Amino acid sequence: MAELLEKDAIISDINEKINTVKILLYKEAPHIFEKIDFDNDEIFCSPLLFAFFRHKVINTFTPEEEKALLEEFMQGYYVEKPETYSITHLYNEEGIAYMPSVGYFKKGENTPFAPTAYVKDSSVKILRCATPFLKVILDIPLEDQQWDDELYNNRIGQLNNAMDLIRKNVPDQYKLIDQCCEYIYLFNTDPNNSNSFASGNALGLAFFNVYQEEYNEIFFIDDIAHQTGHVIMNNLMFSKPTFYKIDQTQAVEEILGRPDHRNVNILIHALYTYYTTFYCLDECITANSFEGKLYKEAVARIGFYQRKCHTDLQILDVVIKHFGGLENMLTDKGLKVMKSITNKFEEITQKWGETINAYDFSNQTYNFSFKLFEELNP
């Protein structure tokens, strides 16, 4: 979505987020500004710091716990690092604490046992375990939130390869990812507990549920595009009135007259993530990045989402009619985003329609499975 880069529309939204977090932090603990670099945007773009303030709104912690958690977390951003770090409340249920820019501590130890991890050649960090700031955001069993070296070691190469392919083949989308996504969190749980997701309550953090053994770099290109798509949109919509002219929380089913669990904002988010997934997979295919089964899976995933996108565009048409036109729903910024989405859908349908229309997706569930796909499309 090059226009977001060319006109710096998303930069203004990110700056508004930064200024909002600065104000919140100053109101909560003004003395901390004496110890940190006010101009270090990484601090104020932290999804974990953002999540802290969201938890404060819903009173997850006592005032005493809030004060201690914030003080302990912010030590990682001090310009002058303390000789020893004071940690009492920052530990998760497993007894591990994460401090930004420093690393991971085990309870009772004064030095980190593991550093902050990064996606290779990227500014995007990998969160290795849950933190108290994700208490009501990461809703999966505690055993699936544990520090997992096996999961990390088995998947980090695939994640690195996928991000590298996006960087090389879809540079404008990669730039948006780099601007908006601070952390990726890998987990493995039954999808009935949680799918991959990105939460506006931890703005800048993408959660990937890597639960299928068959997953590979194609899955990661798909999920990076999808979940960071949500992250990008959450940044772009940080101030909802700059994107919507309507109440974006209105239930879609009230307009359709039939069941649909989403509101208008969730529907628009879904459509944008189809765009990002089409864009990243198609550009990588065009660059001859895949062959054999990897190529087949990449095309199959495009077909899987093309059907979903087609259905959701039909639903959007009903919503548009309800409001008397898209221009009555969205601002100029929102209209430009929607134009990019519909243009990409038409491009993908024209380019891949004949191939994907021959595929049988009837055994697929919510999450694409290449194993199931091959059963019907050998």
Foldseek 3Di string as FASTA:
>chain_A
DCVCVVVVLLVVLLVVQLVVLVVVCCVLPVVLPVFADNPPSCVSLFLLSLLLVVCVVVCPDDSVLSVLCVVQQCLLGGPDRDPFGDDDNWADPVQWHAHPNAGIDHPPDGHHPDHFAAQPPAQATEDQADTVSCVPPQQDDPVFRDRDPPVCVVCSVLLSVLLVLCCVQVVSVNVLLRVWARYEYETADDCVRPAWEEDLSSQRYTYHHPHDPPDGNLVNNLRSLLHSLLSSVSSSCVPVVQWWLDDQQQCLCVLVVDDDRGGNVVLLSLLSSLLSLLRSLVRSVVVVVDDDPSNVVSLQVNLVSLVVNVVSVVSVVSVQVVQPHVPNTTDPVNVVSVVSSVVSSVVSCVVNVVPSVPFDPPPQDPDDDVVVRVVRVD
